[in-house]
Amino acid sequence: MLKPTLNFAAGRLCLVLTAFLAVTGCCRDNDTELNDETPSITTIGGTWNVKAISVSNELTYIETPPENAHHPNISITIPDTIQGDISGHTFRNTISFGFEIKENRQIDLKNYGGTRMTEDSLGRAFGNHIMFNVVKFNVSNNELQFIDSLDNTVVLFINALNKD
């Protein structure tokens, strides 16, 4: 009587293993195809100094800080995650705001705030872009671009470790 039970159990085990291997093999091929087509999420962690800001729809390069500057540059530090808090400073104020990176280099920036000193024109432009205009980013060659919905670069950063 034990023989039929063992044969039945062994047959079921073979059937389950065959089905498992067939499904696993199919999933691997499909997963590879999906991974090739699925956009990756890029992180932009690091310390970034503003190199240029769009003022009146024209990218203005920052050569020297204004005379009334409290800081030598406009700078932000971004954690190496896909969401969190960014901290930094304009020429006159300490700032912070939240971020979340999404697929296709989309980015949500929110809750911009900081100290309350009167900003110069570059600090105002920077804050306005962060609060209202930036929808995506691009990173290449030690540069980070914040881009608006019309695909215009509104803030251009350079990696703080790169002195170019």
Protein backbone atom coordinates (compact mmCIF):
# COMPACT_ATOMS: atom_id res chain seq x y z
CA MET A 1 0.00 0.00 0.00
CA LEU A 2 2.87 2.42 0.58
CA LYS A 3 4.14 2.03 -2.98
CA PRO A 4 1.16 3.70 -4.69
CA THR A 5 1.29 6.58 -2.18
CA LEU A 6 5.01 7.14 -2.77
CA ASN A 7 4.61 6.95 -6.56
CA PHE A 8 1.70 9.37 -6.41
CA ALA A 9 3.67 11.77 -4.16
CA ALA A 10 6.79 11.49 -6.34
CA GLY A 11 4.71 12.13 -9.45
CA ARG A 12 3.14 15.24 -7.90
CA LEU A 13 6.58 16.48 -6.84
CA CYS A 14 7.94 16.05 -10.37
CA LEU A 15 4.91 17.83 -11.82
CA VAL A 16 5.29 20.77 -9.40
CA LEU A 17 9.06 21.05 -10.06
CA THR A 18 8.52 20.95 -13.84
CA ALA A 19 5.85 23.63 -13.63
CA PHE A 20 8.05 25.77 -11.35
CA LEU A 21 11.05 25.55 -13.69
CA ALA A 22 8.90 26.35 -16.73
CA VAL A 23 7.35 29.40 -15.06
CA THR A 24 10.68 30.61 -13.65
CA GLY A 25 12.34 30.34 -17.06
CA CYS A 26 9.53 32.32 -18.71
CA CYS A 27 9.60 35.01 -16.04
CA ARG A 28 13.33 35.55 -16.44
CA ASP A 29 12.96 36.27 -20.15
CA ASN A 30 10.05 38.64 -19.50
CA ASP A 31 11.81 40.36 -16.59
CA THR A 32 14.85 41.02 -18.77
CA GLU A 33 12.67 42.58 -21.45
CA LEU A 34 10.83 44.73 -18.89
CA ASN A 35 14.08 45.90 -17.30
CA ASP A 36 15.41 46.98 -20.68
CA GLU A 37 12.31 49.13 -21.25
CA THR A 38 11.73 50.38 -17.70
CA PRO A 39 13.28 53.81 -17.15
CA SER A 40 15.70 53.95 -14.26
CA ILE A 41 15.46 56.46 -11.47
CA THR A 42 18.61 58.56 -11.18
CA THR A 43 19.79 60.09 -7.93
CA ILE A 44 21.50 63.48 -7.88
CA GLY A 45 23.12 63.42 -4.46
CA GLY A 46 25.96 65.80 -3.67
CA THR A 47 26.71 69.43 -3.11
CA TRP A 48 25.94 71.67 -6.08
CA ASN A 49 26.86 75.32 -6.66
CA VAL A 50 24.73 77.45 -8.96
CA LYS A 51 26.62 78.39 -12.10
CA ALA A 52 23.74 80.12 -13.91
CA ILE A 53 20.11 81.10 -13.31
CA SER A 54 17.44 82.03 -15.83
CA VAL A 55 16.49 85.67 -15.30
CA SER A 56 13.87 87.13 -17.67
CA ASN A 57 14.07 83.93 -19.78
CA GLU A 58 17.82 84.26 -20.28
CA LEU A 59 20.47 82.11 -18.57
CA THR A 60 22.64 84.49 -16.52
CA TYR A 61 26.05 83.13 -15.49
CA ILE A 62 27.21 84.07 -12.00
CA GLU A 63 30.81 85.29 -12.03
CA THR A 64 31.03 86.94 -8.60
CA PRO A 65 28.67 87.28 -5.65
CA PRO A 66 26.81 90.56 -5.18
CA GLU A 67 28.34 93.13 -2.82
CA ASN A 68 25.81 92.48 -0.06
CA ALA A 69 26.32 88.66 -0.11
CA HIS A 70 26.58 86.73 3.14
CA HIS A 71 27.66 83.55 1.30
CA PRO A 72 30.13 83.21 -1.59
CA ASN A 73 27.65 81.35 -3.83
CA ILE A 74 24.20 79.80 -4.10
CA SER A 75 24.62 76.19 -3.09
CA ILE A 76 22.48 73.16 -2.25
CA THR A 77 23.24 69.75 -0.77
CA ILE A 78 21.07 66.86 -1.95
CA PRO A 79 21.08 63.49 -0.17
CA ASP A 80 21.84 60.45 -2.34
CA THR A 81 18.23 59.20 -2.19
CA ILE A 82 15.13 59.57 -4.34
CA GLN A 83 13.31 61.71 -1.80
CA GLY A 84 14.15 63.82 1.20
CA ASP A 85 15.18 67.31 2.14
CA ILE A 86 17.60 69.61 0.32
CA SER A 87 19.48 72.20 2.33
CA GLY A 88 21.64 75.08 1.23
CA HIS A 89 21.87 78.82 0.90
CA THR A 90 21.40 81.70 -1.48
CA PHE A 91 23.77 84.66 -1.29
CA ARG A 92 21.78 86.00 1.67
CA ASN A 93 19.62 83.24 3.19
CA THR A 94 19.77 79.67 4.44
CA ILE A 95 17.21 77.57 2.54
CA SER A 96 15.62 74.14 2.57
CA PHE A 97 12.98 72.30 0.56
CA GLY A 98 11.74 68.79 -0.05
CA PHE A 99 12.23 66.75 -3.19
CA GLU A 100 11.10 63.51 -4.79
CA ILE A 101 12.69 62.04 -7.90
CA LYS A 102 10.40 60.10 -10.21
CA GLU A 103 10.89 58.14 -13.43
CA ASN A 104 12.19 59.83 -16.58
CA ARG A 105 14.13 62.38 -14.53
CA GLN A 106 10.99 64.06 -13.28
CA ILE A 107 11.37 65.85 -9.94
CA ASP A 108 8.92 67.36 -7.48
CA LEU A 109 10.25 70.21 -5.34
CA LYS A 110 8.11 71.40 -2.45
CA ASN A 111 7.99 73.42 0.75
CA TYR A 112 10.69 75.93 -0.17
CA GLY A 113 11.61 78.08 2.81
CA GLY A 114 14.45 79.71 4.66
CA THR A 115 15.60 82.65 6.65
CA ARG A 116 13.83 85.93 5.98
CA MET A 117 16.45 88.38 4.76
CA THR A 118 15.65 90.34 1.63
CA GLU A 119 16.94 88.45 -1.42
CA ASP A 120 18.89 89.94 -4.28
CA SER A 121 17.57 89.38 -7.82
CA LEU A 122 19.46 86.08 -8.25
CA GLY A 123 18.17 84.69 -4.94
CA ARG A 124 14.61 85.68 -5.89
CA ALA A 125 14.95 84.06 -9.31
CA PHE A 126 16.37 80.89 -7.75
CA GLY A 127 13.52 80.66 -5.22
CA ASN A 128 10.86 81.27 -7.86
CA HIS A 129 12.26 78.53 -10.10
CA ILE A 130 12.38 76.06 -7.20
CA MET A 131 8.83 76.89 -6.08
CA PHE A 132 7.10 77.19 -9.45
CA ASN A 133 9.08 76.12 -12.51
CA VAL A 134 11.30 73.06 -12.06
CA VAL A 135 9.71 69.80 -13.25
CA LYS A 136 12.70 67.68 -14.29
CA PHE A 137 16.47 67.51 -14.23
CA ASN A 138 19.44 66.34 -16.24
CA VAL A 139 22.87 65.40 -14.95
CA SER A 140 26.07 65.07 -17.02
CA ASN A 141 29.74 66.04 -16.90
CA ASN A 142 29.58 67.29 -13.29
CA GLU A 143 26.65 69.56 -14.14
CA LEU A 144 23.08 69.40 -12.90
CA GLN A 145 20.31 71.19 -14.79
CA PHE A 146 16.91 72.00 -13.33
CA ILE A 147 14.51 72.20 -16.27
CA ASP A 148 11.04 73.75 -16.65
CA SER A 149 8.00 72.36 -18.47
CA LEU A 150 9.13 73.97 -21.76
CA ASP A 151 12.48 72.09 -21.58
CA ASN A 152 14.42 75.25 -20.73
CA THR A 153 17.27 75.06 -18.24
CA VAL A 154 16.27 77.45 -15.45
CA VAL A 155 19.07 76.64 -12.98
CA LEU A 156 22.49 75.25 -13.92
CA PHE A 157 24.62 73.78 -11.15
CA ILE A 158 28.20 72.56 -11.07
CA ASN A 159 29.37 69.86 -8.68
CA ALA A 160 31.00 71.62 -5.72
CA LEU A 161 33.92 69.19 -5.86
CA ASN A 162 34.63 70.27 -9.44
CA LYS A 163 36.21 73.74 -9.47
CA ASP A 164 35.65 74.40 -13.21
